[in-house]
Structures are given as C-alpha cells and as structure tokens.
Amino acid sequence: MSVQPLAGLRWTHVGGKLLGFGASVSDSDDWVDPFIGVRLPLRLSDRWSAEFEADIGGFGVGSSLSANGSLQIGYSMTVLNRPAQLSIGYRALYEQYHSGQNENRFALDAVTHGPLLGISLGF
C-alpha cells in the first residue's frame, strides 16, 4: 500500500428557490476551497482494488471548513482493447460556509453524502 498526497481546489455552487402564495425567493452562492489530503490505494488481487481518500480544506479562503472522505472498490477490465476500471463506493462531504450580513447573509453548514459509481478508460 502506498500513501499518495493530494492538493487541489474544490468549486461549490449552491442555490435554492422558495415558492408560495404567488411569490418566490431565490438565492445562490459559489466558492472555491483549497484542500490537502491523502489517497490510500490498495491492490486486493489482479483485478480488484480498494481506495480510501480523505481531504480537508477551506481554511477561510472560500469556506471556513470543508472535509471530504470516500471509499471505493474497483474492478479492472479491458474495454475496446483499452485498460478500464469500474468503481463503486460512498462519499461524504462536509462544508461550513457563510458570506454577507443581515438580509444578504448566505450560510451553509451541511453534510452531503451518497453512493458513487464511475468508470475510467485508459488511452
């Protein structure tokens, strides 16, 4: 098993609309967070692999704090004579963000999580 360092930028866009009684209110905001983290790939067999990834970011640049974690299981195969991998896993992202003041204040303190499915194809 190897430990791979990660660093990058994560862009987030959040928007919402409230409808009712013939009126509507909407708001949205977006921000970019720098992040650092690690990826831990693990080869289970010739075809099967697992990967854990975690990062932390924000640092007051975009959000106050963001934290991301995922766990994936992958199956390697050949598609159209090219190496490919099918992955299934689960991801969770926590973000704490605020901007503006008073009636222009936008705040988010949320965890977004759910399954993920992906395929990669080498060229």
N, C-alpha and C. Protein backbone atom coordinates (compact mmCIF):
# COMPACT_ATOMS: atom_id res chain seq x y z
N MET A 1 0.85 -1.18 0.00
CA MET A 1 0.00 0.00 0.00
C MET A 1 0.89 1.24 0.00
N SER A 2 0.51 2.21 -0.79
CA SER A 2 1.23 3.48 -0.84
C SER A 2 0.32 4.60 -0.35
N VAL A 3 0.91 5.67 0.11
CA VAL A 3 0.17 6.86 0.52
C VAL A 3 0.45 7.94 -0.50
N GLN A 4 -0.59 8.44 -1.14
CA GLN A 4 -0.43 9.46 -2.17
C GLN A 4 -0.98 10.80 -1.66
N PRO A 5 -0.16 11.83 -1.62
CA PRO A 5 -0.65 13.14 -1.17
C PRO A 5 -1.57 13.77 -2.22
N LEU A 6 -2.51 14.56 -1.75
CA LEU A 6 -3.44 15.27 -2.63
C LEU A 6 -3.41 16.76 -2.30
N ALA A 7 -3.61 17.58 -3.29
CA ALA A 7 -3.78 19.02 -3.12
C ALA A 7 -4.56 19.52 -4.32
N GLY A 8 -5.44 20.46 -4.09
CA GLY A 8 -6.21 20.97 -5.22
C GLY A 8 -7.20 22.03 -4.80
N LEU A 9 -8.15 22.29 -5.70
CA LEU A 9 -9.21 23.26 -5.49
C LEU A 9 -10.56 22.57 -5.70
N ARG A 10 -11.54 22.88 -4.83
CA ARG A 10 -12.88 22.33 -4.96
C ARG A 10 -13.85 23.50 -5.13
N TRP A 11 -14.60 23.51 -6.24
CA TRP A 11 -15.58 24.55 -6.51
C TRP A 11 -16.95 24.05 -6.08
N THR A 12 -17.68 24.88 -5.35
CA THR A 12 -19.03 24.54 -4.89
C THR A 12 -19.99 25.62 -5.34
N HIS A 13 -21.14 25.20 -5.87
CA HIS A 13 -22.24 26.11 -6.20
C HIS A 13 -23.49 25.58 -5.52
N VAL A 14 -24.16 26.43 -4.76
CA VAL A 14 -25.38 26.06 -4.04
C VAL A 14 -26.45 27.08 -4.38
N GLY A 15 -27.63 26.60 -4.70
CA GLY A 15 -28.73 27.50 -4.99
C GLY A 15 -30.05 26.92 -4.53
N GLY A 16 -31.00 27.79 -4.28
CA GLY A 16 -32.31 27.33 -3.85
C GLY A 16 -33.38 28.35 -4.19
N LYS A 17 -34.62 27.86 -4.24
CA LYS A 17 -35.76 28.72 -4.55
C LYS A 17 -36.92 28.30 -3.66
N LEU A 18 -37.60 29.29 -3.09
CA LEU A 18 -38.77 29.06 -2.25
C LEU A 18 -39.97 29.67 -2.96
N LEU A 19 -40.97 28.83 -3.22
CA LEU A 19 -42.18 29.27 -3.92
C LEU A 19 -43.37 29.19 -2.98
N GLY A 20 -44.28 30.14 -3.10
CA GLY A 20 -45.51 30.06 -2.32
C GLY A 20 -46.29 31.35 -2.35
N PHE A 21 -47.62 31.22 -2.32
CA PHE A 21 -48.53 32.35 -2.26
C PHE A 21 -48.28 33.38 -3.36
N GLY A 22 -47.95 32.90 -4.54
CA GLY A 22 -47.75 33.78 -5.68
C GLY A 22 -46.43 34.52 -5.69
N ALA A 23 -45.54 34.20 -4.78
CA ALA A 23 -44.24 34.88 -4.72
C ALA A 23 -43.13 33.84 -4.72
N SER A 24 -41.95 34.27 -5.04
CA SER A 24 -40.80 33.37 -4.97
C SER A 24 -39.57 34.13 -4.48
N VAL A 25 -38.74 33.41 -3.79
CA VAL A 25 -37.48 33.94 -3.30
C VAL A 25 -36.40 32.95 -3.69
N SER A 26 -35.30 33.43 -4.25
CA SER A 26 -34.21 32.52 -4.60
C SER A 26 -32.88 33.15 -4.19
N ASP A 27 -31.92 32.28 -3.99
CA ASP A 27 -30.59 32.74 -3.63
C ASP A 27 -29.60 31.68 -4.06
N SER A 28 -28.39 32.09 -4.31
CA SER A 28 -27.33 31.14 -4.65
C SER A 28 -25.99 31.77 -4.31
N ASP A 29 -25.00 30.93 -4.19
CA ASP A 29 -23.65 31.39 -3.93
C ASP A 29 -22.70 30.32 -4.43
N ASP A 30 -21.49 30.70 -4.70
CA ASP A 30 -20.46 29.73 -5.07
C ASP A 30 -19.12 30.18 -4.50
N TRP A 31 -18.23 29.21 -4.30
CA TRP A 31 -16.93 29.49 -3.73
C TRP A 31 -15.95 28.40 -4.13
N VAL A 32 -14.68 28.71 -3.96
CA VAL A 32 -13.60 27.77 -4.27
C VAL A 32 -12.79 27.55 -3.00
N ASP A 33 -12.57 26.30 -2.67
CA ASP A 33 -11.78 25.93 -1.49
C ASP A 33 -10.49 25.24 -1.90
N PRO A 34 -9.36 25.68 -1.36
CA PRO A 34 -8.15 24.86 -1.49
C PRO A 34 -8.28 23.67 -0.54
N PHE A 35 -7.66 22.54 -0.89
CA PHE A 35 -7.70 21.40 0.02
C PHE A 35 -6.39 20.61 -0.06
N ILE A 36 -6.11 19.88 1.01
CA ILE A 36 -4.99 18.95 1.06
C ILE A 36 -5.52 17.63 1.63
N GLY A 37 -4.91 16.53 1.22
CA GLY A 37 -5.39 15.25 1.71
C GLY A 37 -4.49 14.11 1.32
N VAL A 38 -5.03 12.91 1.49
CA VAL A 38 -4.29 11.69 1.15
C VAL A 38 -5.21 10.70 0.44
N ARG A 39 -4.60 9.88 -0.39
CA ARG A 39 -5.28 8.77 -1.06
C ARG A 39 -4.50 7.51 -0.71
N LEU A 40 -5.23 6.46 -0.31
CA LEU A 40 -4.61 5.19 0.05
C LEU A 40 -5.15 4.10 -0.86
N PRO A 41 -4.46 3.81 -1.97
CA PRO A 41 -4.90 2.73 -2.85
C PRO A 41 -4.39 1.39 -2.32
N LEU A 42 -5.18 0.35 -2.50
CA LEU A 42 -4.80 -0.98 -2.04
C LEU A 42 -5.19 -2.00 -3.11
N ARG A 43 -4.22 -2.74 -3.61
CA ARG A 43 -4.47 -3.78 -4.60
C ARG A 43 -4.88 -5.05 -3.86
N LEU A 44 -6.10 -5.54 -4.11
CA LEU A 44 -6.61 -6.73 -3.43
C LEU A 44 -6.29 -8.00 -4.20
N SER A 45 -6.27 -7.90 -5.53
CA SER A 45 -5.93 -9.03 -6.41
C SER A 45 -5.56 -8.46 -7.77
N ASP A 46 -5.41 -9.32 -8.79
CA ASP A 46 -5.08 -8.82 -10.12
C ASP A 46 -6.15 -7.88 -10.66
N ARG A 47 -7.39 -8.11 -10.34
CA ARG A 47 -8.49 -7.31 -10.88
C ARG A 47 -9.17 -6.39 -9.87
N TRP A 48 -9.12 -6.71 -8.59
CA TRP A 48 -9.84 -5.95 -7.57
C TRP A 48 -8.91 -5.01 -6.81
N SER A 49 -9.44 -3.83 -6.48
CA SER A 49 -8.69 -2.85 -5.70
C SER A 49 -9.65 -2.10 -4.78
N ALA A 50 -9.09 -1.44 -3.79
CA ALA A 50 -9.86 -0.58 -2.90
C ALA A 50 -9.10 0.73 -2.77
N GLU A 51 -9.82 1.80 -2.48
CA GLU A 51 -9.17 3.10 -2.35
C GLU A 51 -9.92 3.95 -1.33
N PHE A 52 -9.17 4.49 -0.39
CA PHE A 52 -9.71 5.43 0.59
C PHE A 52 -9.10 6.79 0.30
N GLU A 53 -9.94 7.82 0.35
CA GLU A 53 -9.46 9.18 0.10
C GLU A 53 -10.06 10.12 1.13
N ALA A 54 -9.26 11.00 1.68
CA ALA A 54 -9.75 12.00 2.64
C ALA A 54 -9.01 13.31 2.42
N ASP A 55 -9.74 14.41 2.58
CA ASP A 55 -9.09 15.71 2.48
C ASP A 55 -9.78 16.70 3.39
N ILE A 56 -9.08 17.77 3.66
CA ILE A 56 -9.61 18.86 4.47
C ILE A 56 -9.26 20.16 3.75
N GLY A 57 -10.15 21.13 3.83
CA GLY A 57 -9.89 22.37 3.11
C GLY A 57 -10.68 23.53 3.64
N GLY A 58 -10.76 24.55 2.81
CA GLY A 58 -11.43 25.79 3.18
C GLY A 58 -10.45 26.77 3.74
N PHE A 59 -10.06 26.55 4.99
CA PHE A 59 -9.06 27.38 5.68
C PHE A 59 -9.42 28.87 5.66
N GLY A 60 -10.73 29.18 5.53
CA GLY A 60 -11.16 30.57 5.49
C GLY A 60 -11.00 31.25 4.14
N VAL A 61 -10.46 30.53 3.15
CA VAL A 61 -10.29 31.11 1.81
C VAL A 61 -11.64 31.18 1.09
N GLY A 62 -12.36 30.06 1.02
CA GLY A 62 -13.71 30.00 0.48
C GLY A 62 -14.66 29.75 1.64
N SER A 63 -14.70 28.50 2.08
CA SER A 63 -15.49 28.16 3.26
C SER A 63 -14.61 28.23 4.49
N SER A 64 -15.25 28.19 5.65
CA SER A 64 -14.49 28.12 6.90
C SER A 64 -13.81 26.77 7.02
N LEU A 65 -14.56 25.72 6.62
CA LEU A 65 -14.06 24.35 6.72
C LEU A 65 -14.77 23.47 5.73
N SER A 66 -14.02 22.60 5.08
CA SER A 66 -14.62 21.54 4.27
C SER A 66 -13.82 20.26 4.54
N ALA A 67 -14.53 19.15 4.58
CA ALA A 67 -13.88 17.85 4.80
C ALA A 67 -14.58 16.83 3.91
N ASN A 68 -13.79 16.02 3.23
CA ASN A 68 -14.30 15.08 2.26
C ASN A 68 -13.69 13.70 2.53
N GLY A 69 -14.49 12.67 2.39
CA GLY A 69 -13.98 11.31 2.53
C GLY A 69 -14.71 10.37 1.61
N SER A 70 -13.99 9.39 1.04
CA SER A 70 -14.64 8.41 0.18
C SER A 70 -13.93 7.07 0.30
N LEU A 71 -14.69 6.03 0.05
CA LEU A 71 -14.17 4.67 0.00
C LEU A 71 -14.74 4.04 -1.26
N GLN A 72 -13.84 3.46 -2.09
CA GLN A 72 -14.26 2.85 -3.36
C GLN A 72 -13.67 1.46 -3.51
N ILE A 73 -14.42 0.61 -4.18
CA ILE A 73 -13.95 -0.71 -4.59
C ILE A 73 -13.92 -0.69 -6.12
N GLY A 74 -12.83 -1.15 -6.72
CA GLY A 74 -12.69 -1.11 -8.16
C GLY A 74 -12.42 -2.48 -8.76
N TYR A 75 -12.90 -2.67 -10.00
CA TYR A 75 -12.68 -3.90 -10.76
C TYR A 75 -12.04 -3.52 -12.08
N SER A 76 -10.84 -4.04 -12.35
CA SER A 76 -10.11 -3.74 -13.59
C SER A 76 -10.51 -4.71 -14.69
N MET A 77 -10.62 -4.19 -15.92
CA MET A 77 -11.01 -5.00 -17.07
C MET A 77 -10.46 -4.36 -18.33
N THR A 78 -10.78 -4.94 -19.47
CA THR A 78 -10.40 -4.39 -20.76
C THR A 78 -11.67 -4.06 -21.54
N VAL A 79 -11.73 -2.83 -22.06
CA VAL A 79 -12.86 -2.38 -22.86
C VAL A 79 -12.30 -1.79 -24.14
N LEU A 80 -12.72 -2.30 -25.29
CA LEU A 80 -12.23 -1.84 -26.59
C LEU A 80 -10.70 -1.89 -26.65
N ASN A 81 -10.14 -2.97 -26.14
CA ASN A 81 -8.68 -3.19 -26.11
C ASN A 81 -7.93 -2.13 -25.30
N ARG A 82 -8.61 -1.48 -24.38
CA ARG A 82 -8.00 -0.46 -23.51
C ARG A 82 -8.22 -0.86 -22.05
N PRO A 83 -7.27 -0.53 -21.17
CA PRO A 83 -7.49 -0.80 -19.75
C PRO A 83 -8.61 0.08 -19.20
N ALA A 84 -9.46 -0.51 -18.38
CA ALA A 84 -10.59 0.21 -17.81
C ALA A 84 -10.79 -0.24 -16.37
N GLN A 85 -11.48 0.59 -15.60
CA GLN A 85 -11.82 0.21 -14.24
C GLN A 85 -13.23 0.70 -13.91
N LEU A 86 -14.02 -0.20 -13.34
CA LEU A 86 -15.35 0.12 -12.84
C LEU A 86 -15.24 0.28 -11.34
N SER A 87 -15.77 1.38 -10.79
CA SER A 87 -15.66 1.66 -9.36
C SER A 87 -17.03 1.92 -8.77
N ILE A 88 -17.22 1.45 -7.55
CA ILE A 88 -18.42 1.73 -6.78
C ILE A 88 -17.98 2.09 -5.37
N GLY A 89 -18.67 3.04 -4.76
CA GLY A 89 -18.24 3.46 -3.43
C GLY A 89 -19.23 4.38 -2.76
N TYR A 90 -18.73 5.08 -1.76
CA TYR A 90 -19.55 6.00 -0.97
C TYR A 90 -18.70 7.23 -0.65
N ARG A 91 -19.34 8.42 -0.68
CA ARG A 91 -18.63 9.67 -0.45
C ARG A 91 -19.42 10.55 0.50
N ALA A 92 -18.73 11.28 1.35
CA ALA A 92 -19.35 12.27 2.24
C ALA A 92 -18.53 13.55 2.18
N LEU A 93 -19.23 14.68 2.12
CA LEU A 93 -18.59 16.00 2.06
C LEU A 93 -19.27 16.91 3.07
N TYR A 94 -18.49 17.46 3.99
CA TYR A 94 -18.99 18.44 4.96
C TYR A 94 -18.48 19.81 4.55
N GLU A 95 -19.37 20.82 4.58
CA GLU A 95 -18.97 22.19 4.26
C GLU A 95 -19.62 23.15 5.24
N GLN A 96 -18.80 24.10 5.72
CA GLN A 96 -19.27 25.17 6.60
C GLN A 96 -18.88 26.48 5.92
N TYR A 97 -19.88 27.20 5.43
CA TYR A 97 -19.63 28.39 4.62
C TYR A 97 -20.61 29.49 5.01
N HIS A 98 -20.17 30.74 4.98
CA HIS A 98 -21.06 31.88 5.16
C HIS A 98 -20.49 33.09 4.45
N SER A 99 -21.39 33.95 4.00
CA SER A 99 -20.98 35.21 3.38
C SER A 99 -22.09 36.24 3.61
N GLY A 100 -21.75 37.48 3.46
CA GLY A 100 -22.74 38.55 3.60
C GLY A 100 -23.14 38.80 5.05
N GLN A 101 -24.03 39.77 5.22
CA GLN A 101 -24.53 40.13 6.55
C GLN A 101 -26.00 40.47 6.47
N ASN A 102 -26.68 40.37 7.61
CA ASN A 102 -28.08 40.73 7.77
C ASN A 102 -28.96 40.07 6.71
N GLU A 103 -29.74 40.85 5.95
CA GLU A 103 -30.64 40.25 4.95
C GLU A 103 -29.90 39.68 3.74
N ASN A 104 -28.62 40.00 3.58
CA ASN A 104 -27.82 39.46 2.47
C ASN A 104 -26.95 38.29 2.92
N ARG A 105 -27.20 37.75 4.10
CA ARG A 105 -26.38 36.66 4.64
C ARG A 105 -26.74 35.35 3.94
N PHE A 106 -25.71 34.61 3.56
CA PHE A 106 -25.87 33.27 2.99
C PHE A 106 -25.04 32.33 3.85
N ALA A 107 -25.64 31.26 4.35
CA ALA A 107 -24.92 30.33 5.22
C ALA A 107 -25.25 28.89 4.86
N LEU A 108 -24.24 28.05 4.93
CA LEU A 108 -24.41 26.62 4.68
C LEU A 108 -23.56 25.87 5.71
N ASP A 109 -24.17 24.94 6.40
CA ASP A 109 -23.49 24.06 7.34
C ASP A 109 -24.12 22.69 7.11
N ALA A 110 -23.53 21.90 6.20
CA ALA A 110 -24.21 20.70 5.75
C ALA A 110 -23.25 19.57 5.42
N VAL A 111 -23.79 18.35 5.51
CA VAL A 111 -23.10 17.15 5.05
C VAL A 111 -23.87 16.61 3.85
N THR A 112 -23.18 16.42 2.75
CA THR A 112 -23.75 15.81 1.56
C THR A 112 -23.08 14.45 1.41
N HIS A 113 -23.89 13.41 1.25
CA HIS A 113 -23.28 12.08 1.16
C HIS A 113 -24.14 11.17 0.29
N GLY A 114 -23.51 10.13 -0.22
CA GLY A 114 -24.25 9.17 -1.03
C GLY A 114 -23.31 8.26 -1.82
N PRO A 115 -23.93 7.34 -2.55
CA PRO A 115 -23.15 6.38 -3.33
C PRO A 115 -22.52 7.04 -4.55
N LEU A 116 -21.46 6.42 -5.06
CA LEU A 116 -20.85 6.88 -6.29
C LEU A 116 -20.55 5.67 -7.18
N LEU A 117 -20.58 5.93 -8.47
CA LEU A 117 -20.32 4.91 -9.46
C LEU A 117 -19.49 5.56 -10.55
N GLY A 118 -18.43 4.92 -10.99
CA GLY A 118 -17.59 5.51 -12.03
C GLY A 118 -16.93 4.47 -12.89
N ILE A 119 -16.52 4.91 -14.06
CA ILE A 119 -15.73 4.05 -14.96
C ILE A 119 -14.62 4.92 -15.55
N SER A 120 -13.43 4.37 -15.58
CA SER A 120 -12.31 5.08 -16.19
C SER A 120 -11.77 4.22 -17.33
N LEU A 121 -11.33 4.88 -18.38
CA LEU A 121 -10.82 4.21 -19.56
C LEU A 121 -9.47 4.80 -19.91
N GLY A 122 -8.45 3.98 -20.00
CA GLY A 122 -7.09 4.45 -20.34
C GLY A 122 -6.89 4.57 -21.84
N PHE A 123 -6.08 5.54 -22.25
CA PHE A 123 -5.80 5.73 -23.68
C PHE A 123 -4.34 5.64 -23.97
